[in-house]
Amino acid sequence: RAPLWGSVDLRDGNQALLEPMDVARKRVMFDL
């Protein structure tokens, strides 16, 4: 069975970006 999933795209992933996401891009990612 699958494990419980935890996404860290908006924190760990975001802090590693050359240009961190603004609120609009974060909201798109959250909704995805």
Full PDB file with SEQRES, HELIX, SHEET, SSBOND, CRYST1, ORIGX, SCALE, CONECT and MASTER records, all heavy atoms in Angstrom:
SEQRES   1 A   32  ARG ALA PRO LEU TRP GLY SER VAL ASP LEU ARG ASP GLY          
SEQRES   2 A   32  ASN GLN ALA LEU LEU GLU PRO MET ASP VAL ALA ARG LYS          
SEQRES   3 A   32  ARG VAL MET PHE ASP LEU                                      
HELIX    1 AA1 ASP A    9  GLY A   13  3                                   5    
HELIX    2 AA2 ASN A   14  GLN A   15  1                                   2    
HELIX    3 AA3 VAL A   23  ASP A   31  1                                   9    
CRYST1    1.000    1.000    1.000  90.00  90.00  90.00 P 1           1          
ORIGX1      1.000000  0.000000  0.000000        0.00000                         
ORIGX2      0.000000  1.000000  0.000000        0.00000                         
ORIGX3      0.000000  0.000000  1.000000        0.00000                         
SCALE1      1.000000  0.000000  0.000000        0.00000                         
SCALE2      0.000000  1.000000  0.000000        0.00000                         
SCALE3      0.000000  0.000000  1.000000        0.00000                         
ATOM      1  N   ARG A   1       0.836  -1.189   0.000  1.00  0.00           N  
ATOM      2  CA  ARG A   1       0.000   0.000   0.000  1.00  0.00           C  
ATOM      3  C   ARG A   1       0.878   1.247   0.000  1.00  0.00           C  
ATOM      4  O   ARG A   1       2.063   1.198   0.338  1.00  0.00           O  
ATOM      5  CB  ARG A   1      -0.934   0.016   1.217  1.00  0.00           C  
ATOM      6  CG  ARG A   1      -0.222   0.070   2.554  1.00  0.00           C  
ATOM      7  CD  ARG A   1      -1.223   0.099   3.701  1.00  0.00           C  
ATOM      8  NE  ARG A   1      -0.543   0.155   4.993  1.00  0.00           N  
ATOM      9  CZ  ARG A   1      -1.180   0.238   6.154  1.00  0.00           C  
ATOM     10  NH1 ARG A   1      -2.500   0.266   6.183  1.00  0.00           N  
ATOM     11  NH2 ARG A   1      -0.503   0.298   7.284  1.00  0.00           N  
ATOM     12  N   ALA A   2       0.270   2.344  -0.396  1.00  0.00           N  
ATOM     13  CA  ALA A   2       1.000   3.608  -0.454  1.00  0.00           C  
ATOM     14  C   ALA A   2       1.218   4.160   0.946  1.00  0.00           C  
ATOM     15  O   ALA A   2       0.384   3.963   1.836  1.00  0.00           O  
ATOM     16  CB  ALA A   2       0.227   4.618  -1.297  1.00  0.00           C  
ATOM     17  N   PRO A   3       2.322   4.869   1.160  1.00  0.00           N  
ATOM     18  CA  PRO A   3       2.496   5.560   2.439  1.00  0.00           C  
ATOM     19  C   PRO A   3       1.598   6.789   2.488  1.00  0.00           C  
ATOM     20  O   PRO A   3       0.973   7.171   1.495  1.00  0.00           O  
ATOM     21  CB  PRO A   3       3.968   5.958   2.407  1.00  0.00           C  
ATOM     22  CG  PRO A   3       4.238   6.189   0.948  1.00  0.00           C  
ATOM     23  CD  PRO A   3       3.427   5.148   0.219  1.00  0.00           C  
ATOM     24  N   LEU A   4       1.545   7.432   3.621  1.00  0.00           N  
ATOM     25  CA  LEU A   4       0.952   8.762   3.695  1.00  0.00           C  
ATOM     26  C   LEU A   4       1.901   9.714   2.972  1.00  0.00           C  
ATOM     27  O   LEU A   4       3.117   9.608   3.106  1.00  0.00           O  
ATOM     28  CB  LEU A   4       0.774   9.195   5.154  1.00  0.00           C  
ATOM     29  CG  LEU A   4      -0.087   8.277   6.039  1.00  0.00           C  
ATOM     30  CD1 LEU A   4      -0.020   8.724   7.492  1.00  0.00           C  
ATOM     31  CD2 LEU A   4      -1.518   8.235   5.544  1.00  0.00           C  
ATOM     32  N   TRP A   5       1.334  10.627   2.195  1.00  0.00           N  
ATOM     33  CA  TRP A   5       2.158  11.540   1.417  1.00  0.00           C  
ATOM     34  C   TRP A   5       2.177  12.927   2.051  1.00  0.00           C  
ATOM     35  O   TRP A   5       1.137  13.437   2.477  1.00  0.00           O  
ATOM     36  CB  TRP A   5       1.624  11.692  -0.009  1.00  0.00           C  
ATOM     37  CG  TRP A   5       1.531  10.436  -0.808  1.00  0.00           C  
ATOM     38  CD1 TRP A   5       0.403   9.818  -1.230  1.00  0.00           C  
ATOM     39  CD2 TRP A   5       2.616   9.641  -1.306  1.00  0.00           C  
ATOM     40  NE1 TRP A   5       0.695   8.686  -1.967  1.00  0.00           N  
ATOM     41  CE2 TRP A   5       2.054   8.554  -2.030  1.00  0.00           C  
ATOM     42  CE3 TRP A   5       3.999   9.747  -1.215  1.00  0.00           C  
ATOM     43  CZ2 TRP A   5       2.830   7.582  -2.650  1.00  0.00           C  
ATOM     44  CZ3 TRP A   5       4.775   8.775  -1.835  1.00  0.00           C  
ATOM     45  CH2 TRP A   5       4.192   7.718  -2.536  1.00  0.00           C  
ATOM     46  N   GLY A   6       3.346  13.536   2.067  1.00  0.00           N  
ATOM     47  CA  GLY A   6       3.481  14.920   2.508  1.00  0.00           C  
ATOM     48  C   GLY A   6       4.250  15.714   1.477  1.00  0.00           C  
ATOM     49  O   GLY A   6       5.415  15.415   1.199  1.00  0.00           O  
ATOM     50  N   SER A   7       3.622  16.718   0.883  1.00  0.00           N  
ATOM     51  CA  SER A   7       4.305  17.563  -0.100  1.00  0.00           C  
ATOM     52  C   SER A   7       5.012  18.705   0.612  1.00  0.00           C  
ATOM     53  O   SER A   7       4.429  19.393   1.456  1.00  0.00           O  
ATOM     54  CB  SER A   7       3.301  18.144  -1.098  1.00  0.00           C  
ATOM     55  OG  SER A   7       3.855  19.276  -1.760  1.00  0.00           O  
ATOM     56  N   VAL A   8       6.284  18.921   0.231  1.00  0.00           N  
ATOM     57  CA  VAL A   8       7.032  20.067   0.753  1.00  0.00           C  
ATOM     58  C   VAL A   8       7.451  20.992  -0.391  1.00  0.00           C  
ATOM     59  O   VAL A   8       8.426  21.746  -0.278  1.00  0.00           O  
ATOM     60  CB  VAL A   8       8.262  19.607   1.575  1.00  0.00           C  
ATOM     61  CG1 VAL A   8       7.819  18.884   2.829  1.00  0.00           C  
ATOM     62  CG2 VAL A   8       9.191  18.720   0.748  1.00  0.00           C  
ATOM     63  N   ASP A   9       6.694  20.960  -1.490  1.00  0.00           N  
ATOM     64  CA  ASP A   9       7.003  21.809  -2.646  1.00  0.00           C  
ATOM     65  C   ASP A   9       6.996  23.285  -2.298  1.00  0.00           C  
ATOM     66  O   ASP A   9       7.799  24.062  -2.830  1.00  0.00           O  
ATOM     67  CB  ASP A   9       5.988  21.552  -3.760  1.00  0.00           C  
ATOM     68  CG  ASP A   9       6.152  20.186  -4.401  1.00  0.00           C  
ATOM     69  OD1 ASP A   9       5.561  19.220  -3.886  1.00  0.00           O  
ATOM     70  OD2 ASP A   9       6.874  20.080  -5.393  1.00  0.00           O  
ATOM     71  N   LEU A  10       6.082  23.691  -1.430  1.00  0.00           N  
ATOM     72  CA  LEU A  10       5.915  25.112  -1.136  1.00  0.00           C  
ATOM     73  C   LEU A  10       6.871  25.614  -0.054  1.00  0.00           C  
ATOM     74  O   LEU A  10       6.913  26.812   0.217  1.00  0.00           O  
ATOM     75  CB  LEU A  10       4.467  25.377  -0.709  1.00  0.00           C  
ATOM     76  CG  LEU A  10       3.449  25.250  -1.844  1.00  0.00           C  
ATOM     77  CD1 LEU A  10       2.042  25.125  -1.299  1.00  0.00           C  
ATOM     78  CD2 LEU A  10       3.564  26.440  -2.779  1.00  0.00           C  
ATOM     79  N   ARG A  11       7.653  24.726   0.535  1.00  0.00           N  
ATOM     80  CA  ARG A  11       8.647  25.147   1.521  1.00  0.00           C  
ATOM     81  C   ARG A  11      10.036  24.694   1.101  1.00  0.00           C  
ATOM     82  O   ARG A  11      10.844  25.484   0.608  1.00  0.00           O  
ATOM     83  CB  ARG A  11       8.279  24.607   2.905  1.00  0.00           C  
ATOM     84  CG  ARG A  11       9.001  25.334   4.041  1.00  0.00           C  
ATOM     85  CD  ARG A  11      10.403  24.837   4.297  1.00  0.00           C  
ATOM     86  NE  ARG A  11      10.439  23.409   4.552  1.00  0.00           N  
ATOM     87  CZ  ARG A  11      11.560  22.697   4.614  1.00  0.00           C  
ATOM     88  NH1 ARG A  11      12.733  23.280   4.407  1.00  0.00           N  
ATOM     89  NH2 ARG A  11      11.533  21.395   4.844  1.00  0.00           N  
ATOM     90  N   ASP A  12      10.341  23.420   1.226  1.00  0.00           N  
ATOM     91  CA  ASP A  12      11.665  22.922   0.876  1.00  0.00           C  
ATOM     92  C   ASP A  12      11.943  23.140  -0.612  1.00  0.00           C  
ATOM     93  O   ASP A  12      13.014  23.598  -1.001  1.00  0.00           O  
ATOM     94  CB  ASP A  12      11.754  21.427   1.210  1.00  0.00           C  
ATOM     95  CG  ASP A  12      13.191  20.961   1.360  1.00  0.00           C  
ATOM     96  OD1 ASP A  12      14.086  21.589   0.782  1.00  0.00           O  
ATOM     97  OD2 ASP A  12      13.411  19.951   2.044  1.00  0.00           O  
ATOM     98  N   GLY A  13      10.963  22.808  -1.452  1.00  0.00           N  
ATOM     99  CA  GLY A  13      11.139  23.022  -2.881  1.00  0.00           C  
ATOM    100  C   GLY A  13      11.266  24.487  -3.237  1.00  0.00           C  
ATOM    101  O   GLY A  13      12.121  24.880  -4.042  1.00  0.00           O  
ATOM    102  N   ASN A  14      10.451  25.323  -2.625  1.00  0.00           N  
ATOM    103  CA  ASN A  14      10.443  26.750  -2.951  1.00  0.00           C  
ATOM    104  C   ASN A  14      11.735  27.437  -2.544  1.00  0.00           C  
ATOM    105  O   ASN A  14      12.260  28.290  -3.267  1.00  0.00           O  
ATOM    106  CB  ASN A  14       9.250  27.422  -2.268  1.00  0.00           C  
ATOM    107  CG  ASN A  14       9.115  28.877  -2.657  1.00  0.00           C  
ATOM    108  OD1 ASN A  14       9.013  29.214  -3.827  1.00  0.00           O  
ATOM    109  ND2 ASN A  14       9.124  29.753  -1.663  1.00  0.00           N  
ATOM    110  N   GLN A  15      12.282  27.065  -1.381  1.00  0.00           N  
ATOM    111  CA  GLN A  15      13.490  27.747  -0.908  1.00  0.00           C  
ATOM    112  C   GLN A  15      14.709  27.395  -1.762  1.00  0.00           C  
ATOM    113  O   GLN A  15      15.734  28.081  -1.701  1.00  0.00           O  
ATOM    114  CB  GLN A  15      13.758  27.389   0.548  1.00  0.00           C  
ATOM    115  CG  GLN A  15      14.310  25.987   0.770  1.00  0.00           C  
ATOM    116  CD  GLN A  15      14.483  25.666   2.246  1.00  0.00           C  
ATOM    117  OE1 GLN A  15      13.698  26.090   3.093  1.00  0.00           O  
ATOM    118  NE2 GLN A  15      15.513  24.906   2.567  1.00  0.00           N  
ATOM    119  N   ALA A  16      14.596  26.335  -2.582  1.00  0.00           N  
ATOM    120  CA  ALA A  16      15.710  25.929  -3.434  1.00  0.00           C  
ATOM    121  C   ALA A  16      15.646  26.542  -4.825  1.00  0.00           C  
ATOM    122  O   ALA A  16      16.514  26.264  -5.654  1.00  0.00           O  
ATOM    123  CB  ALA A  16      15.732  24.400  -3.552  1.00  0.00           C  
ATOM    124  N   LEU A  17      14.631  27.361  -5.093  1.00  0.00           N  
ATOM    125  CA  LEU A  17      14.480  27.949  -6.419  1.00  0.00           C  
ATOM    126  C   LEU A  17      15.340  29.200  -6.570  1.00  0.00           C  
ATOM    127  O   LEU A  17      15.511  29.973  -5.616  1.00  0.00           O  
ATOM    128  CB  LEU A  17      13.014  28.319  -6.671  1.00  0.00           C  
ATOM    129  CG  LEU A  17      12.013  27.158  -6.682  1.00  0.00           C  
ATOM    130  CD1 LEU A  17      10.600  27.704  -6.867  1.00  0.00           C  
ATOM    131  CD2 LEU A  17      12.350  26.161  -7.773  1.00  0.00           C  
ATOM    132  N   LEU A  18      15.851  29.399  -7.775  1.00  0.00           N  
ATOM    133  CA  LEU A  18      16.608  30.617  -8.057  1.00  0.00           C  
ATOM    134  C   LEU A  18      15.717  31.834  -7.847  1.00  0.00           C  
ATOM    135  O   LEU A  18      16.137  32.857  -7.305  1.00  0.00           O  
ATOM    136  CB  LEU A  18      17.134  30.582  -9.497  1.00  0.00           C  
ATOM    137  CG  LEU A  18      17.998  31.754  -9.937  1.00  0.00           C  
ATOM    138  CD1 LEU A  18      19.279  31.812  -9.111  1.00  0.00           C  
ATOM    139  CD2 LEU A  18      18.330  31.649 -11.428  1.00  0.00           C  
ATOM    140  N   GLU A  19      14.456  31.719  -8.270  1.00  0.00           N  
ATOM    141  CA  GLU A  19      13.467  32.769  -8.060  1.00  0.00           C  
ATOM    142  C   GLU A  19      12.283  32.171  -7.310  1.00  0.00           C  
ATOM    143  O   GLU A  19      11.412  31.564  -7.913  1.00  0.00           O  
ATOM    144  CB  GLU A  19      12.995  33.342  -9.393  1.00  0.00           C  
ATOM    145  CG  GLU A  19      11.969  34.451  -9.252  1.00  0.00           C  
ATOM    146  CD  GLU A  19      11.404  34.898 -10.590  1.00  0.00           C  
ATOM    147  OE1 GLU A  19      12.002  34.590 -11.633  1.00  0.00           O  
ATOM    148  OE2 GLU A  19      10.338  35.547 -10.566  1.00  0.00           O  
ATOM    149  N   PRO A  20      12.262  32.277  -5.974  1.00  0.00           N  
ATOM    150  CA  PRO A  20      11.170  31.685  -5.204  1.00  0.00           C  
ATOM    151  C   PRO A  20       9.808  32.170  -5.697  1.00  0.00           C  
ATOM    152  O   PRO A  20       9.667  33.270  -6.244  1.00  0.00           O  
ATOM    153  CB  PRO A  20      11.446  32.161  -3.773  1.00  0.00           C  
ATOM    154  CG  PRO A  20      12.931  32.393  -3.748  1.00  0.00           C  
ATOM    155  CD  PRO A  20      13.268  32.922  -5.108  1.00  0.00           C  
ATOM    156  N   MET A  21       8.813  31.330  -5.509  1.00  0.00           N  
ATOM    157  CA  MET A  21       7.467  31.635  -5.996  1.00  0.00           C  
ATOM    158  C   MET A  21       6.869  32.823  -5.259  1.00  0.00           C  
ATOM    159  O   MET A  21       7.060  32.976  -4.052  1.00  0.00           O  
ATOM    160  CB  MET A  21       6.562  30.415  -5.812  1.00  0.00           C  
ATOM    161  CG  MET A  21       6.855  29.256  -6.728  1.00  0.00           C  
ATOM    162  SD  MET A  21       5.752  27.840  -6.437  1.00  0.00           S  
ATOM    163  CE  MET A  21       6.714  26.899  -5.252  1.00  0.00           C  
ATOM    164  N   ASP A  22       6.118  33.645  -5.998  1.00  0.00           N  
ATOM    165  CA  ASP A  22       5.314  34.678  -5.365  1.00  0.00           C  
ATOM    166  C   ASP A  22       3.993  34.053  -4.931  1.00  0.00           C  
ATOM    167  O   ASP A  22       3.748  32.861  -5.126  1.00  0.00           O  
ATOM    168  CB  ASP A  22       5.095  35.866  -6.299  1.00  0.00           C  
ATOM    169  CG  ASP A  22       4.467  35.462  -7.629  1.00  0.00           C  
ATOM    170  OD1 ASP A  22       3.885  34.359  -7.723  1.00  0.00           O  
ATOM    171  OD2 ASP A  22       4.561  36.255  -8.592  1.00  0.00           O  
ATOM    172  N   VAL A  23       3.111  34.854  -4.343  1.00  0.00           N  
ATOM    173  CA  VAL A  23       1.852  34.320  -3.814  1.00  0.00           C  
ATOM    174  C   VAL A  23       1.019  33.688  -4.917  1.00  0.00           C  
ATOM    175  O   VAL A  23       0.416  32.622  -4.725  1.00  0.00           O  
ATOM    176  CB  VAL A  23       1.059  35.428  -3.097  1.00  0.00           C  
ATOM    177  CG1 VAL A  23      -0.351  34.944  -2.758  1.00  0.00           C  
ATOM    178  CG2 VAL A  23       1.778  35.859  -1.819  1.00  0.00           C  
ATOM    179  N   ALA A  24       0.994  34.311  -6.100  1.00  0.00           N  
ATOM    180  CA  ALA A  24       0.174  33.782  -7.192  1.00  0.00           C  
ATOM    181  C   ALA A  24       0.653  32.400  -7.624  1.00  0.00           C  
ATOM    182  O   ALA A  24      -0.150  31.475  -7.799  1.00  0.00           O  
ATOM    183  CB  ALA A  24       0.195  34.747  -8.375  1.00  0.00           C  
ATOM    184  N   ARG A  25       1.971  32.243  -7.796  1.00  0.00           N  
ATOM    185  CA  ARG A  25       2.495  30.941  -8.200  1.00  0.00           C  
ATOM    186  C   ARG A  25       2.338  29.914  -7.091  1.00  0.00           C  
ATOM    187  O   ARG A  25       2.053  28.740  -7.346  1.00  0.00           O  
ATOM    188  CB  ARG A  25       3.968  31.074  -8.607  1.00  0.00           C  
ATOM    189  CG  ARG A  25       4.151  31.663  -9.995  1.00  0.00           C  
ATOM    190  CD  ARG A  25       5.530  32.251 -10.186  1.00  0.00           C  
ATOM    191  NE  ARG A  25       6.613  31.318  -9.963  1.00  0.00           N  
ATOM    192  CZ  ARG A  25       7.879  31.687  -9.722  1.00  0.00           C  
ATOM    193  NH1 ARG A  25       8.186  32.976  -9.657  1.00  0.00           N  
ATOM    194  NH2 ARG A  25       8.817  30.787  -9.546  1.00  0.00           N  
ATOM    195  N   LYS A  26       2.505  30.344  -5.849  1.00  0.00           N  
ATOM    196  CA  LYS A  26       2.289  29.424  -4.726  1.00  0.00           C  
ATOM    197  C   LYS A  26       0.848  28.920  -4.696  1.00  0.00           C  
ATOM    198  O   LYS A  26       0.596  27.736  -4.423  1.00  0.00           O  
ATOM    199  CB  LYS A  26       2.610  30.118  -3.401  1.00  0.00           C  
ATOM    200  CG  LYS A  26       4.087  30.280  -3.110  1.00  0.00           C  
ATOM    201  CD  LYS A  26       4.275  30.922  -1.750  1.00  0.00           C  
ATOM    202  CE  LYS A  26       5.751  31.080  -1.413  1.00  0.00           C  
ATOM    203  NZ  LYS A  26       5.937  31.729  -0.094  1.00  0.00           N  
ATOM    204  N   ARG A  27      -0.075  29.813  -4.997  1.00  0.00           N  
ATOM    205  CA  ARG A  27      -1.481  29.405  -4.962  1.00  0.00           C  
ATOM    206  C   ARG A  27      -1.773  28.384  -6.074  1.00  0.00           C  
ATOM    207  O   ARG A  27      -2.510  27.420  -5.866  1.00  0.00           O  
ATOM    208  CB  ARG A  27      -2.383  30.629  -5.111  1.00  0.00           C  
ATOM    209  CG  ARG A  27      -3.868  30.289  -5.064  1.00  0.00           C  
ATOM    210  CD  ARG A  27      -4.218  29.534  -3.766  1.00  0.00           C  
ATOM    211  NE  ARG A  27      -5.540  28.957  -3.827  1.00  0.00           N  
ATOM    212  CZ  ARG A  27      -6.651  29.594  -3.427  1.00  0.00           C  
ATOM    213  NH1 ARG A  27      -6.577  30.832  -2.953  1.00  0.00           N  
ATOM    214  NH2 ARG A  27      -7.818  29.000  -3.498  1.00  0.00           N  
ATOM    215  N   VAL A  28      -1.183  28.604  -7.244  1.00  0.00           N  
ATOM    216  CA  VAL A  28      -1.353  27.634  -8.334  1.00  0.00           C  
ATOM    217  C   VAL A  28      -0.795  26.272  -7.922  1.00  0.00           C  
ATOM    218  O   VAL A  28      -1.420  25.231  -8.158  1.00  0.00           O  
ATOM    219  CB  VAL A  28      -0.666  28.145  -9.615  1.00  0.00           C  
ATOM    220  CG1 VAL A  28      -0.638  27.042 -10.680  1.00  0.00           C  
ATOM    221  CG2 VAL A  28      -1.382  29.378 -10.150  1.00  0.00           C  
ATOM    222  N   MET A  29       0.378  26.283  -7.294  1.00  0.00           N  
ATOM    223  CA  MET A  29       0.987  25.027  -6.848  1.00  0.00           C  
ATOM    224  C   MET A  29       0.132  24.368  -5.771  1.00  0.00           C  
ATOM    225  O   MET A  29      -0.084  23.143  -5.794  1.00  0.00           O  
ATOM    226  CB  MET A  29       2.397  25.289  -6.319  1.00  0.00           C  
ATOM    227  CG  MET A  29       3.102  24.061  -5.765  1.00  0.00           C  
ATOM    228  SD  MET A  29       3.544  22.849  -7.029  1.00  0.00           S  
ATOM    229  CE  MET A  29       5.080  23.566  -7.634  1.00  0.00           C  
ATOM    230  N   PHE A  30      -0.360  25.140  -4.832  1.00  0.00           N  
ATOM    231  CA  PHE A  30      -1.201  24.580  -3.764  1.00  0.00           C  
ATOM    232  C   PHE A  30      -2.447  23.932  -4.351  1.00  0.00           C  
ATOM    233  O   PHE A  30      -2.808  22.806  -3.975  1.00  0.00           O  
ATOM    234  CB  PHE A  30      -1.585  25.688  -2.772  1.00  0.00           C  
ATOM    235  CG  PHE A  30      -2.483  25.211  -1.657  1.00  0.00           C  
ATOM    236  CD1 PHE A  30      -1.953  24.565  -0.553  1.00  0.00           C  
ATOM    237  CD2 PHE A  30      -3.857  25.413  -1.709  1.00  0.00           C  
ATOM    238  CE1 PHE A  30      -2.781  24.120   0.478  1.00  0.00           C  
ATOM    239  CE2 PHE A  30      -4.686  24.974  -0.694  1.00  0.00           C  
ATOM    240  CZ  PHE A  30      -4.150  24.331   0.407  1.00  0.00           C  
ATOM    241  N   ASP A  31      -3.100  24.622  -5.271  1.00  0.00           N  
ATOM    242  CA  ASP A  31      -4.314  24.072  -5.877  1.00  0.00           C  
ATOM    243  C   ASP A  31      -4.014  22.799  -6.667  1.00  0.00           C  
ATOM    244  O   ASP A  31      -4.819  21.866  -6.704  1.00  0.00           O  
ATOM    245  CB  ASP A  31      -4.976  25.112  -6.779  1.00  0.00           C  
ATOM    246  CG  ASP A  31      -5.578  26.273  -5.993  1.00  0.00           C  
ATOM    247  OD1 ASP A  31      -5.774  26.119  -4.766  1.00  0.00           O  
ATOM    248  OD2 ASP A  31      -5.833  27.333  -6.600  1.00  0.00           O  
ATOM    249  N   LEU A  32      -2.852  22.761  -7.320  1.00  0.00           N  
ATOM    250  CA  LEU A  32      -2.464  21.547  -8.037  1.00  0.00           C  
ATOM    251  C   LEU A  32      -2.305  20.385  -7.064  1.00  0.00           C  
ATOM    252  O   LEU A  32      -2.804  19.266  -7.312  1.00  0.00           O  
ATOM    253  CB  LEU A  32      -1.151  21.777  -8.794  1.00  0.00           C  
ATOM    254  CG  LEU A  32      -0.536  20.528  -9.447  1.00  0.00           C  
ATOM    255  CD1 LEU A  32      -1.395  20.037 -10.595  1.00  0.00           C  
ATOM    256  CD2 LEU A  32       0.887  20.800  -9.915  1.00  0.00           C  
TER     257      LEU A  32                                                      
MASTER        0    0    0    3    0    0    0    6  256    1    0    3          
END                                                                             
